[in-house]
Amino acid sequence: MTSEEKAKKRTGTEIPEAAAGGPSAEQPAEPSVGQSAGQPADRPVPAAVAAAPMRRFPSAGDVLAMLGIALGAQIVVSVAAMLLLLVAGYGTDMASLAPQVLGRTQAIIYLISMTTALVGVLYYRRVRGGRGPWAQFSLRGFNPALLLWAFLLIFAAGIVIEPLLWLLPDIKLNVGRGAWTILMLVVMAPILEELLCRGVVLGSLRARYGVTVAWLVSAIFFGVLHIQPAQVVNATVVGLILGFVYLSTESMWSVMILHALNNAVAYFMLMAGYEDTMLIEMIDSRTLYVVIFIAAVALLAVSGYMMARALRRMKSAGEAKLAGEKNPRKA
């Protein structure tokens, strides 16, 4: 890759042919960065100017801005829905709605708010200079065994963090019942949340900071998106597992399926009357619970070690690929 092509790639702008060929004898060279017209060409550029890199997307501020857009969309759409219900004579207490009506209402609010959030974040990404693909749907890395492992790991992690969840306020969430609720939890949420968190956020962070930072920050982003403290903790842990699966498979299909399965189980637990019920409350035998808890800790520890090794390999592979692109003759 020539220096002009590298400059084009960094700035995202076209380089005129005259500039691509360099200054000619008939055309004087343009002033460099930090150099004004008429300033001698051999005068050194100030070190602070020369060393200042172009601000690239995403910075820490960009991540916070994207989170603000996503949370803001949820708040604005929810408030607008409350006002519409109030005008329609239903009042602002959605819990008073019939379960089927509540399910339909919540599904519509969710669809509008998360679609707005996704579109808003994508627009922000474009304005800030984010380029390239932001979600991959390849089937080459699809691995049913990996999905089964991740599915079991999500439940093991849920058991391990139960003591922490005990200390947090109870989750106040009423999603209703029926087909609309299932559609929201098993179809809408896996598609929209994965496109946003594993697609835009993780993909953008990975392009600049590498797999480890992208994996961690995207999981926290996913957790905070759920707002309530207990959900934030649980969703962050789930986000770590989903993020690893996406990095391993390079495909949205895997994490969407896994997300859908997790939400489906949560819905059927809700239907069975076990909403916000922890395992320790479901098992009478304390000895049996301790055995299950130890097994969950062991699975989480072994899996965490394997994930850390896999992430290191991904990081090394990414660094080797980048080095090969910079030095094609040595690759």
C-alpha atoms as a PDB file:
ATOM      1  CA  MET A   1       0.000   0.000   0.000  1.00  0.00           C
ATOM      2  CA  THR A   2       1.440   3.359  -1.016  1.00  0.00           C
ATOM      3  CA  SER A   3       1.713   6.330   1.340  1.00  0.00           C
ATOM      4  CA  GLU A   4      -1.082   8.084  -0.560  1.00  0.00           C
ATOM      5  CA  GLU A   5      -3.366   5.077  -0.181  1.00  0.00           C
ATOM      6  CA  LYS A   6      -2.591   4.978   3.559  1.00  0.00           C
ATOM      7  CA  ALA A   7      -3.442   8.654   3.847  1.00  0.00           C
ATOM      8  CA  LYS A   8      -6.688   8.035   2.005  1.00  0.00           C
ATOM      9  CA  LYS A   9      -7.545   5.164   4.314  1.00  0.00           C
ATOM     10  CA  ARG A  10      -6.850   7.273   7.429  1.00  0.00           C
ATOM     11  CA  THR A  11      -8.826  10.301   6.359  1.00  0.00           C
ATOM     12  CA  GLY A  12     -11.540   8.685   4.256  1.00  0.00           C
ATOM     13  CA  THR A  13     -11.039  11.378   1.553  1.00  0.00           C
ATOM     14  CA  GLU A  14      -9.992  11.203  -2.058  1.00  0.00           C
ATOM     15  CA  ILE A  15      -6.506  12.431  -2.933  1.00  0.00           C
ATOM     16  CA  PRO A  16      -6.314  14.491  -6.138  1.00  0.00           C
ATOM     17  CA  GLU A  17      -4.156  12.992  -8.852  1.00  0.00           C
ATOM     18  CA  ALA A  18      -1.866  16.002  -8.823  1.00  0.00           C
ATOM     19  CA  ALA A  19      -1.269  15.530  -5.101  1.00  0.00           C
ATOM     20  CA  ALA A  20      -0.860  11.790  -5.559  1.00  0.00           C
ATOM     21  CA  GLY A  21       2.020  12.392  -7.891  1.00  0.00           C
ATOM     22  CA  GLY A  22       3.707  14.748  -5.461  1.00  0.00           C
ATOM     23  CA  PRO A  23       4.686  18.387  -6.048  1.00  0.00           C
ATOM     24  CA  SER A  24       6.108  19.104  -9.482  1.00  0.00           C
ATOM     25  CA  ALA A  25       8.594  21.695 -10.579  1.00  0.00           C
ATOM     26  CA  GLU A  26       5.791  23.867 -11.962  1.00  0.00           C
ATOM     27  CA  GLN A  27       3.553  23.515  -8.896  1.00  0.00           C
ATOM     28  CA  PRO A  28       4.931  24.410  -5.445  1.00  0.00           C
ATOM     29  CA  ALA A  29       4.318  22.056  -2.569  1.00  0.00           C
ATOM     30  CA  GLU A  30       1.302  22.719  -0.370  1.00  0.00           C
ATOM     31  CA  PRO A  31       1.949  23.743   3.241  1.00  0.00           C
ATOM     32  CA  SER A  32       2.031  20.794   5.622  1.00  0.00           C
ATOM     33  CA  VAL A  33      -0.039  20.465   8.793  1.00  0.00           C
ATOM     34  CA  GLY A  34       0.792  23.343  11.094  1.00  0.00           C
ATOM     35  CA  GLN A  35       2.594  25.230   8.345  1.00  0.00           C
ATOM     36  CA  SER A  36       1.029  28.421   6.982  1.00  0.00           C
ATOM     37  CA  ALA A  37       1.282  29.691   3.426  1.00  0.00           C
ATOM     38  CA  GLY A  38       4.521  31.529   2.938  1.00  0.00           C
ATOM     39  CA  GLN A  39       6.243  29.691   5.776  1.00  0.00           C
ATOM     40  CA  PRO A  40       9.551  28.138   4.702  1.00  0.00           C
ATOM     41  CA  ALA A  41       9.148  24.482   3.802  1.00  0.00           C
ATOM     42  CA  ASP A  42      12.206  23.452   5.803  1.00  0.00           C
ATOM     43  CA  ARG A  43      10.930  25.052   8.977  1.00  0.00           C
ATOM     44  CA  PRO A  44      10.112  22.276  11.476  1.00  0.00           C
ATOM     45  CA  VAL A  45       6.485  21.666  12.367  1.00  0.00           C
ATOM     46  CA  PRO A  46       5.772  22.198  16.094  1.00  0.00           C
ATOM     47  CA  ALA A  47       6.131  18.915  17.940  1.00  0.00           C
ATOM     48  CA  ALA A  48       2.697  19.213  19.595  1.00  0.00           C
ATOM     49  CA  VAL A  49       1.029  19.574  16.188  1.00  0.00           C
ATOM     50  CA  ALA A  50       3.053  16.876  14.472  1.00  0.00           C
ATOM     51  CA  ALA A  51       2.485  14.372  17.277  1.00  0.00           C
ATOM     52  CA  ALA A  52      -1.265  14.995  17.598  1.00  0.00           C
ATOM     53  CA  PRO A  53      -3.096  12.074  15.893  1.00  0.00           C
ATOM     54  CA  MET A  54      -6.446  12.500  14.222  1.00  0.00           C
ATOM     55  CA  ARG A  55      -9.238  11.646  16.626  1.00  0.00           C
ATOM     56  CA  ARG A  56     -10.613   8.288  15.620  1.00  0.00           C
ATOM     57  CA  PHE A  57     -13.930   6.599  16.315  1.00  0.00           C
ATOM     58  CA  PRO A  58     -14.826   5.389  18.856  1.00  0.00           C
ATOM     59  CA  SER A  59     -13.321   7.313  21.757  1.00  0.00           C
ATOM     60  CA  ALA A  60     -14.509   6.851  25.344  1.00  0.00           C
ATOM     61  CA  GLY A  61     -16.784   9.830  24.788  1.00  0.00           C
ATOM     62  CA  ASP A  62     -18.249   8.168  21.710  1.00  0.00           C
ATOM     63  CA  VAL A  63     -19.125   5.056  23.707  1.00  0.00           C
ATOM     64  CA  LEU A  64     -20.864   7.178  26.336  1.00  0.00           C
ATOM     65  CA  ALA A  65     -22.664   9.121  23.606  1.00  0.00           C
ATOM     66  CA  MET A  66     -23.933   5.900  21.996  1.00  0.00           C
ATOM     67  CA  LEU A  67     -25.101   4.658  25.384  1.00  0.00           C
ATOM     68  CA  GLY A  68     -26.853   7.981  25.940  1.00  0.00           C
ATOM     69  CA  ILE A  69     -28.599   7.689  22.580  1.00  0.00           C
ATOM     70  CA  ALA A  70     -29.802   4.161  23.378  1.00  0.00           C
ATOM     71  CA  LEU A  71     -30.999   5.024  26.886  1.00  0.00           C
ATOM     72  CA  GLY A  72     -32.487   8.300  25.709  1.00  0.00           C
ATOM     73  CA  ALA A  73     -34.494   6.535  23.025  1.00  0.00           C
ATOM     74  CA  GLN A  74     -35.954   4.174  25.628  1.00  0.00           C
ATOM     75  CA  ILE A  75     -36.869   7.027  27.969  1.00  0.00           C
ATOM     76  CA  VAL A  76     -38.381   9.295  25.310  1.00  0.00           C
ATOM     77  CA  VAL A  77     -40.465   6.550  23.698  1.00  0.00           C
ATOM     78  CA  SER A  78     -41.662   5.261  27.093  1.00  0.00           C
ATOM     79  CA  VAL A  79     -42.723   8.739  28.209  1.00  0.00           C
ATOM     80  CA  ALA A  80     -44.513   9.328  24.897  1.00  0.00           C
ATOM     81  CA  ALA A  81     -46.328   5.999  25.304  1.00  0.00           C
ATOM     82  CA  MET A  82     -47.395   6.933  28.837  1.00  0.00           C
ATOM     83  CA  LEU A  83     -48.823  10.210  27.583  1.00  0.00           C
ATOM     84  CA  LEU A  84     -50.732   8.425  24.824  1.00  0.00           C
ATOM     85  CA  LEU A  85     -52.178   5.951  27.332  1.00  0.00           C
ATOM     86  CA  LEU A  86     -53.161   8.828  29.587  1.00  0.00           C
ATOM     87  CA  VAL A  87     -54.911  10.643  26.735  1.00  0.00           C
ATOM     88  CA  ALA A  88     -56.666   7.409  25.745  1.00  0.00           C
ATOM     89  CA  GLY A  89     -58.041   7.093  29.261  1.00  0.00           C
ATOM     90  CA  TYR A  90     -55.941   4.122  30.424  1.00  0.00           C
ATOM     91  CA  GLY A  91     -53.971   6.113  32.992  1.00  0.00           C
ATOM     92  CA  THR A  92     -50.221   5.834  33.546  1.00  0.00           C
ATOM     93  CA  ASP A  93     -50.297   2.570  35.501  1.00  0.00           C
ATOM     94  CA  MET A  94     -49.504  -0.036  32.849  1.00  0.00           C
ATOM     95  CA  ALA A  95     -49.821  -2.803  35.409  1.00  0.00           C
ATOM     96  CA  SER A  96     -53.568  -2.201  35.374  1.00  0.00           C
ATOM     97  CA  LEU A  97     -53.772  -3.339  31.751  1.00  0.00           C
ATOM     98  CA  ALA A  98     -54.848  -6.878  30.933  1.00  0.00           C
ATOM     99  CA  PRO A  99     -51.822  -9.180  30.475  1.00  0.00           C
ATOM    100  CA  GLN A 100     -52.413  -9.621  26.726  1.00  0.00           C
ATOM    101  CA  VAL A 101     -52.909  -5.871  26.191  1.00  0.00           C
ATOM    102  CA  LEU A 102     -49.850  -5.125  28.300  1.00  0.00           C
ATOM    103  CA  GLY A 103     -47.782  -7.581  26.264  1.00  0.00           C
ATOM    104  CA  ARG A 104     -48.819  -5.926  23.010  1.00  0.00           C
ATOM    105  CA  THR A 105     -48.206  -2.437  24.399  1.00  0.00           C
ATOM    106  CA  GLN A 106     -44.767  -3.315  25.756  1.00  0.00           C
ATOM    107  CA  ALA A 107     -43.793  -5.006  22.498  1.00  0.00           C
ATOM    108  CA  ILE A 108     -44.712  -1.942  20.433  1.00  0.00           C
ATOM    109  CA  ILE A 109     -42.884   0.399  22.813  1.00  0.00           C
ATOM    110  CA  TYR A 110     -39.825  -1.844  22.759  1.00  0.00           C
ATOM    111  CA  LEU A 111     -39.783  -2.132  18.971  1.00  0.00           C
ATOM    112  CA  ILE A 112     -40.017   1.632  18.474  1.00  0.00           C
ATOM    113  CA  SER A 113     -37.490   2.516  21.188  1.00  0.00           C
ATOM    114  CA  MET A 114     -34.829  -0.026  20.219  1.00  0.00           C
ATOM    115  CA  THR A 115     -35.208   0.613  16.498  1.00  0.00           C
ATOM    116  CA  THR A 116     -34.789   4.326  17.210  1.00  0.00           C
ATOM    117  CA  ALA A 117     -31.755   3.568  19.367  1.00  0.00           C
ATOM    118  CA  LEU A 118     -30.129   1.431  16.675  1.00  0.00           C
ATOM    119  CA  VAL A 119     -30.770   3.945  13.901  1.00  0.00           C
ATOM    120  CA  GLY A 120     -29.578   6.790  16.114  1.00  0.00           C
ATOM    121  CA  VAL A 121     -26.349   5.018  17.048  1.00  0.00           C
ATOM    122  CA  LEU A 122     -25.663   4.096  13.419  1.00  0.00           C
ATOM    123  CA  TYR A 123     -26.209   7.712  12.362  1.00  0.00           C
ATOM    124  CA  TYR A 124     -23.904   8.918  15.133  1.00  0.00           C
ATOM    125  CA  ARG A 125     -21.289   6.374  14.069  1.00  0.00           C
ATOM    126  CA  ARG A 126     -21.417   7.623  10.504  1.00  0.00           C
ATOM    127  CA  VAL A 127     -21.176  11.286  11.520  1.00  0.00           C
ATOM    128  CA  ARG A 128     -18.169  10.524  13.745  1.00  0.00           C
ATOM    129  CA  GLY A 129     -16.327   8.790  10.931  1.00  0.00           C
ATOM    130  CA  GLY A 130     -17.092   5.148  11.707  1.00  0.00           C
ATOM    131  CA  ARG A 131     -16.831   3.120   8.526  1.00  0.00           C
ATOM    132  CA  GLY A 132     -16.879  -0.464   7.376  1.00  0.00           C
ATOM    133  CA  PRO A 133     -19.187  -3.384   8.196  1.00  0.00           C
ATOM    134  CA  TRP A 134     -20.743  -3.349  11.658  1.00  0.00           C
ATOM    135  CA  ALA A 135     -22.333  -6.806  11.790  1.00  0.00           C
ATOM    136  CA  GLN A 136     -21.323 -10.146  10.318  1.00  0.00           C
ATOM    137  CA  PHE A 137     -23.713 -12.971   9.453  1.00  0.00           C
ATOM    138  CA  SER A 138     -21.354 -15.670   8.254  1.00  0.00           C
ATOM    139  CA  LEU A 139     -22.361 -19.299   8.789  1.00  0.00           C
ATOM    140  CA  ARG A 140     -18.818 -20.640   8.504  1.00  0.00           C
ATOM    141  CA  GLY A 141     -18.118 -20.323  12.200  1.00  0.00           C
ATOM    142  CA  PHE A 142     -21.496 -21.640  13.345  1.00  0.00           C
ATOM    143  CA  ASN A 143     -20.797 -24.245  16.015  1.00  0.00           C
ATOM    144  CA  PRO A 144     -23.702 -26.016  17.814  1.00  0.00           C
ATOM    145  CA  ALA A 145     -21.316 -27.377  20.456  1.00  0.00           C
ATOM    146  CA  LEU A 146     -20.147 -23.852  21.261  1.00  0.00           C
ATOM    147  CA  LEU A 147     -23.752 -22.693  21.592  1.00  0.00           C
ATOM    148  CA  LEU A 148     -24.565 -25.575  23.957  1.00  0.00           C
ATOM    149  CA  TRP A 149     -21.523 -24.761  26.082  1.00  0.00           C
ATOM    150  CA  ALA A 150     -22.441 -21.060  26.160  1.00  0.00           C
ATOM    151  CA  PHE A 151     -26.066 -21.865  27.030  1.00  0.00           C
ATOM    152  CA  LEU A 152     -24.970 -23.955  30.021  1.00  0.00           C
ATOM    153  CA  LEU A 153     -22.405 -21.331  31.017  1.00  0.00           C
ATOM    154  CA  ILE A 154     -25.078 -18.622  31.155  1.00  0.00           C
ATOM    155  CA  PHE A 155     -27.010 -20.636  33.726  1.00  0.00           C
ATOM    156  CA  ALA A 156     -23.868 -21.501  35.671  1.00  0.00           C
ATOM    157  CA  ALA A 157     -22.930 -17.822  35.791  1.00  0.00           C
ATOM    158  CA  GLY A 158     -26.455 -16.962  36.950  1.00  0.00           C
ATOM    159  CA  ILE A 159     -26.063 -19.346  39.881  1.00  0.00           C
ATOM    160  CA  VAL A 160     -22.639 -17.969  40.823  1.00  0.00           C
ATOM    161  CA  ILE A 161     -23.818 -14.335  40.933  1.00  0.00           C
ATOM    162  CA  GLU A 162     -26.929 -15.141  43.016  1.00  0.00           C
ATOM    163  CA  PRO A 163     -25.291 -13.972  46.295  1.00  0.00           C
ATOM    164  CA  LEU A 164     -24.620 -10.584  44.691  1.00  0.00           C
ATOM    165  CA  LEU A 165     -28.142 -10.322  43.298  1.00  0.00           C
ATOM    166  CA  TRP A 166     -29.500 -10.892  46.803  1.00  0.00           C
ATOM    167  CA  LEU A 167     -27.965  -7.558  47.820  1.00  0.00           C
ATOM    168  CA  LEU A 168     -29.580  -5.599  44.989  1.00  0.00           C
ATOM    169  CA  PRO A 169     -33.158  -4.276  44.726  1.00  0.00           C
ATOM    170  CA  ASP A 170     -35.714  -6.642  43.254  1.00  0.00           C
ATOM    171  CA  ILE A 171     -36.346  -6.354  39.533  1.00  0.00           C
ATOM    172  CA  LYS A 172     -39.562  -4.490  38.759  1.00  0.00           C
ATOM    173  CA  LEU A 173     -40.480  -5.602  35.279  1.00  0.00           C
ATOM    174  CA  ASN A 174     -43.880  -6.488  33.880  1.00  0.00           C
ATOM    175  CA  VAL A 175     -43.728  -7.601  30.261  1.00  0.00           C
ATOM    176  CA  GLY A 176     -47.249  -8.983  30.031  1.00  0.00           C
ATOM    177  CA  ARG A 177     -48.229 -12.317  28.538  1.00  0.00           C
ATOM    178  CA  GLY A 178     -49.078 -13.896  25.215  1.00  0.00           C
ATOM    179  CA  ALA A 179     -47.801 -13.947  21.654  1.00  0.00           C
ATOM    180  CA  TRP A 180     -46.702 -10.308  21.628  1.00  0.00           C
ATOM    181  CA  THR A 181     -44.561 -10.822  24.719  1.00  0.00           C
ATOM    182  CA  ILE A 182     -42.956 -13.912  23.177  1.00  0.00           C
ATOM    183  CA  LEU A 183     -42.349 -11.980  19.961  1.00  0.00           C
ATOM    184  CA  MET A 184     -40.666  -9.189  21.914  1.00  0.00           C
ATOM    185  CA  LEU A 185     -38.453 -11.433  24.034  1.00  0.00           C
ATOM    186  CA  VAL A 186     -37.562 -14.157  21.546  1.00  0.00           C
ATOM    187  CA  VAL A 187     -37.427 -12.239  18.253  1.00  0.00           C
ATOM    188  CA  MET A 188     -37.181  -8.459  18.706  1.00  0.00           C
ATOM    189  CA  ALA A 189     -34.731  -8.362  21.611  1.00  0.00           C
ATOM    190  CA  PRO A 190     -32.220 -10.881  20.185  1.00  0.00           C
ATOM    191  CA  ILE A 191     -32.158  -9.106  16.815  1.00  0.00           C
ATOM    192  CA  LEU A 192     -32.096  -5.461  17.899  1.00  0.00           C
ATOM    193  CA  GLU A 193     -29.916  -5.794  21.001  1.00  0.00           C
ATOM    194  CA  GLU A 194     -27.360  -7.992  19.274  1.00  0.00           C
ATOM    195  CA  LEU A 195     -27.142  -5.677  16.261  1.00  0.00           C
ATOM    196  CA  LEU A 196     -26.540  -2.769  18.625  1.00  0.00           C
ATOM    197  CA  CYS A 197     -24.265  -4.299  21.273  1.00  0.00           C
ATOM    198  CA  ARG A 198     -22.369  -7.052  19.477  1.00  0.00           C
ATOM    199  CA  GLY A 199     -22.661  -5.443  16.049  1.00  0.00           C
ATOM    200  CA  VAL A 200     -22.105  -1.685  16.253  1.00  0.00           C
ATOM    201  CA  VAL A 201     -20.484  -1.345  19.684  1.00  0.00           C
ATOM    202  CA  LEU A 202     -18.269  -4.440  19.800  1.00  0.00           C
ATOM    203  CA  GLY A 203     -17.378  -4.198  16.114  1.00  0.00           C
ATOM    204  CA  SER A 204     -16.392  -0.526  16.352  1.00  0.00           C
ATOM    205  CA  LEU A 205     -14.360  -1.032  19.523  1.00  0.00           C
ATOM    206  CA  ARG A 206     -12.601  -4.070  18.091  1.00  0.00           C
ATOM    207  CA  ALA A 207     -11.476  -2.154  15.016  1.00  0.00           C
ATOM    208  CA  ARG A 208      -9.673   0.395  17.178  1.00  0.00           C
ATOM    209  CA  TYR A 209      -8.772  -1.262  20.492  1.00  0.00           C
ATOM    210  CA  GLY A 210      -8.697  -5.001  19.795  1.00  0.00           C
ATOM    211  CA  VAL A 211     -10.722  -7.956  21.010  1.00  0.00           C
ATOM    212  CA  THR A 212     -10.213  -7.690  24.780  1.00  0.00           C
ATOM    213  CA  VAL A 213     -11.381  -4.097  25.193  1.00  0.00           C
ATOM    214  CA  ALA A 214     -14.232  -4.663  22.733  1.00  0.00           C
ATOM    215  CA  TRP A 215     -15.326  -7.782  24.620  1.00  0.00           C
ATOM    216  CA  LEU A 216     -15.338  -6.098  28.035  1.00  0.00           C
ATOM    217  CA  VAL A 217     -16.776  -2.690  27.116  1.00  0.00           C
ATOM    218  CA  SER A 218     -19.544  -4.085  24.882  1.00  0.00           C
ATOM    219  CA  ALA A 219     -20.658  -6.375  27.725  1.00  0.00           C
ATOM    220  CA  ILE A 220     -20.825  -3.430  30.138  1.00  0.00           C
ATOM    221  CA  PHE A 221     -22.717  -1.426  27.503  1.00  0.00           C
ATOM    222  CA  PHE A 222     -25.204  -4.294  27.171  1.00  0.00           C
ATOM    223  CA  GLY A 223     -25.595  -4.477  30.943  1.00  0.00           C
ATOM    224  CA  VAL A 224     -26.156  -0.761  31.531  1.00  0.00           C
ATOM    225  CA  LEU A 225     -28.736  -0.784  28.739  1.00  0.00           C
ATOM    226  CA  HIS A 226     -30.977  -2.848  31.049  1.00  0.00           C
ATOM    227  CA  ILE A 227     -31.039  -0.008  33.658  1.00  0.00           C
ATOM    228  CA  GLN A 228     -32.165  -1.897  36.812  1.00  0.00           C
ATOM    229  CA  PRO A 229     -29.165  -2.857  39.043  1.00  0.00           C
ATOM    230  CA  ALA A 230     -29.884  -6.601  39.198  1.00  0.00           C
ATOM    231  CA  GLN A 231     -30.478  -6.715  35.468  1.00  0.00           C
ATOM    232  CA  VAL A 232     -27.317  -4.684  34.834  1.00  0.00           C
ATOM    233  CA  VAL A 233     -25.190  -7.244  36.684  1.00  0.00           C
ATOM    234  CA  ASN A 234     -26.859 -10.251  35.095  1.00  0.00           C
ATOM    235  CA  ALA A 235     -26.884  -8.786  31.579  1.00  0.00           C
ATOM    236  CA  THR A 236     -23.210  -7.787  31.835  1.00  0.00           C
ATOM    237  CA  VAL A 237     -22.254 -11.375  32.667  1.00  0.00           C
ATOM    238  CA  VAL A 238     -24.448 -12.693  29.855  1.00  0.00           C
ATOM    239  CA  GLY A 239     -22.929 -10.059  27.562  1.00  0.00           C
ATOM    240  CA  LEU A 240     -19.435 -11.399  28.244  1.00  0.00           C
ATOM    241  CA  ILE A 241     -20.520 -14.855  27.102  1.00  0.00           C
ATOM    242  CA  LEU A 242     -22.406 -13.547  24.064  1.00  0.00           C
ATOM    243  CA  GLY A 243     -19.464 -11.347  23.123  1.00  0.00           C
ATOM    244  CA  PHE A 244     -17.065 -14.276  23.271  1.00  0.00           C
ATOM    245  CA  VAL A 245     -19.367 -16.384  21.106  1.00  0.00           C
ATOM    246  CA  TYR A 246     -19.598 -13.588  18.534  1.00  0.00           C
ATOM    247  CA  LEU A 247     -15.822 -13.129  18.461  1.00  0.00           C
ATOM    248  CA  SER A 248     -15.371 -16.888  18.074  1.00  0.00           C
ATOM    249  CA  THR A 249     -17.952 -17.402  15.327  1.00  0.00           C
ATOM    250  CA  GLU A 250     -17.825 -14.006  13.568  1.00  0.00           C
ATOM    251  CA  SER A 251     -21.570 -14.342  13.083  1.00  0.00           C
ATOM    252  CA  MET A 252     -24.662 -12.608  14.431  1.00  0.00           C
ATOM    253  CA  TRP A 253     -26.694 -15.778  13.920  1.00  0.00           C
ATOM    254  CA  SER A 254     -24.966 -17.521  16.818  1.00  0.00           C
ATOM    255  CA  VAL A 255     -25.550 -14.797  19.395  1.00  0.00           C
ATOM    256  CA  MET A 256     -29.081 -14.100  18.208  1.00  0.00           C
ATOM    257  CA  ILE A 257     -29.995 -17.767  18.630  1.00  0.00           C
ATOM    258  CA  LEU A 258     -28.315 -17.936  22.042  1.00  0.00           C
ATOM    259  CA  HIS A 259     -29.995 -14.718  23.170  1.00  0.00           C
ATOM    260  CA  ALA A 260     -33.380 -16.009  21.978  1.00  0.00           C
ATOM    261  CA  LEU A 261     -32.960 -19.300  23.857  1.00  0.00           C
ATOM    262  CA  ASN A 262     -32.013 -17.494  27.066  1.00  0.00           C
ATOM    263  CA  ASN A 263     -35.033 -15.181  26.837  1.00  0.00           C
ATOM    264  CA  ALA A 264     -37.345 -18.077  25.992  1.00  0.00           C
ATOM    265  CA  VAL A 265     -36.305 -19.928  29.134  1.00  0.00           C
ATOM    266  CA  ALA A 266     -36.816 -16.739  31.173  1.00  0.00           C
ATOM    267  CA  TYR A 267     -40.320 -16.341  29.744  1.00  0.00           C
ATOM    268  CA  PHE A 268     -41.331 -19.922  30.484  1.00  0.00           C
ATOM    269  CA  MET A 269     -39.966 -19.553  34.031  1.00  0.00           C
ATOM    270  CA  LEU A 270     -42.185 -16.494  34.295  1.00  0.00           C
ATOM    271  CA  MET A 271     -45.198 -18.432  33.055  1.00  0.00           C
ATOM    272  CA  ALA A 272     -44.459 -21.198  35.567  1.00  0.00           C
ATOM    273  CA  GLY A 273     -44.579 -18.710  38.425  1.00  0.00           C
ATOM    274  CA  TYR A 274     -40.824 -18.503  39.080  1.00  0.00           C
ATOM    275  CA  GLU A 275     -40.392 -14.832  38.195  1.00  0.00           C
ATOM    276  CA  ASP A 276     -37.339 -13.392  40.011  1.00  0.00           C
ATOM    277  CA  THR A 277     -36.987 -16.677  41.896  1.00  0.00           C
ATOM    278  CA  MET A 278     -33.426 -17.776  42.579  1.00  0.00           C
ATOM    279  CA  LEU A 279     -32.190 -21.345  42.610  1.00  0.00           C
ATOM    280  CA  ILE A 280     -31.576 -21.292  46.348  1.00  0.00           C
ATOM    281  CA  GLU A 281     -35.292 -20.582  46.819  1.00  0.00           C
ATOM    282  CA  MET A 282     -36.277 -23.431  44.506  1.00  0.00           C
ATOM    283  CA  ILE A 283     -34.187 -26.157  46.137  1.00  0.00           C
ATOM    284  CA  ASP A 284     -35.141 -27.299  49.630  1.00  0.00           C
ATOM    285  CA  SER A 285     -31.942 -29.255  50.236  1.00  0.00           C
ATOM    286  CA  ARG A 286     -29.135 -26.872  51.170  1.00  0.00           C
ATOM    287  CA  THR A 287     -26.583 -29.627  50.565  1.00  0.00           C
ATOM    288  CA  LEU A 288     -27.811 -30.128  47.011  1.00  0.00           C
ATOM    289  CA  TYR A 289     -27.659 -26.370  46.415  1.00  0.00           C
ATOM    290  CA  VAL A 290     -24.060 -26.207  47.656  1.00  0.00           C
ATOM    291  CA  VAL A 291     -23.090 -29.058  45.312  1.00  0.00           C
ATOM    292  CA  ILE A 292     -24.728 -27.317  42.359  1.00  0.00           C
ATOM    293  CA  PHE A 293     -23.124 -23.993  43.308  1.00  0.00           C
ATOM    294  CA  ILE A 294     -19.635 -25.560  43.501  1.00  0.00           C
ATOM    295  CA  ALA A 295     -20.157 -27.250  40.147  1.00  0.00           C
ATOM    296  CA  ALA A 296     -21.233 -23.916  38.638  1.00  0.00           C
ATOM    297  CA  VAL A 297     -18.154 -22.182  40.057  1.00  0.00           C
ATOM    298  CA  ALA A 298     -15.913 -24.915  38.632  1.00  0.00           C
ATOM    299  CA  LEU A 299     -17.519 -24.670  35.185  1.00  0.00           C
ATOM    300  CA  LEU A 300     -17.217 -20.877  35.261  1.00  0.00           C
ATOM    301  CA  ALA A 301     -13.559 -21.011  36.339  1.00  0.00           C
ATOM    302  CA  VAL A 302     -12.540 -23.536  33.673  1.00  0.00           C
ATOM    303  CA  SER A 303     -14.538 -21.738  31.006  1.00  0.00           C
ATOM    304  CA  GLY A 304     -13.092 -18.379  32.031  1.00  0.00           C
ATOM    305  CA  TYR A 305      -9.561 -19.754  31.659  1.00  0.00           C
ATOM    306  CA  MET A 306     -10.361 -21.176  28.231  1.00  0.00           C
ATOM    307  CA  MET A 307     -11.968 -17.904  27.144  1.00  0.00           C
ATOM    308  CA  ALA A 308      -8.932 -15.916  28.290  1.00  0.00           C
ATOM    309  CA  ARG A 309      -6.619 -18.177  26.272  1.00  0.00           C
ATOM    310  CA  ALA A 310      -8.833 -17.921  23.209  1.00  0.00           C
ATOM    311  CA  LEU A 311      -8.941 -14.119  23.472  1.00  0.00           C
ATOM    312  CA  ARG A 312      -5.139 -14.010  23.687  1.00  0.00           C
ATOM    313  CA  ARG A 313      -4.927 -16.092  20.524  1.00  0.00           C
ATOM    314  CA  MET A 314      -7.387 -13.781  18.787  1.00  0.00           C
ATOM    315  CA  LYS A 315      -5.336 -10.775  19.906  1.00  0.00           C
ATOM    316  CA  SER A 316      -2.099 -12.318  18.649  1.00  0.00           C
ATOM    317  CA  ALA A 317      -3.709 -13.249  15.336  1.00  0.00           C
ATOM    318  CA  GLY A 318      -5.047  -9.718  14.951  1.00  0.00           C
ATOM    319  CA  GLU A 319      -1.647  -8.180  15.699  1.00  0.00           C
ATOM    320  CA  ALA A 320       0.059 -10.528  13.238  1.00  0.00           C
ATOM    321  CA  LYS A 321      -2.480  -9.643  10.550  1.00  0.00           C
ATOM    322  CA  LEU A 322      -1.978  -5.930  11.173  1.00  0.00           C
ATOM    323  CA  ALA A 323       1.792  -6.325  11.024  1.00  0.00           C
ATOM    324  CA  GLY A 324       1.436  -8.198   7.738  1.00  0.00           C
ATOM    325  CA  GLU A 325      -0.668  -5.395   6.277  1.00  0.00           C
ATOM    326  CA  LYS A 326       1.898  -2.790   7.327  1.00  0.00           C
ATOM    327  CA  ASN A 327       4.872  -4.838   6.068  1.00  0.00           C
ATOM    328  CA  PRO A 328       3.591  -6.979   3.176  1.00  0.00           C
ATOM    329  CA  ARG A 329       7.121  -8.016   2.165  1.00  0.00           C
ATOM    330  CA  LYS A 330       7.781  -9.541   5.591  1.00  0.00           C
ATOM    331  CA  ALA A 331       4.392 -11.230   5.850  1.00  0.00           C
END
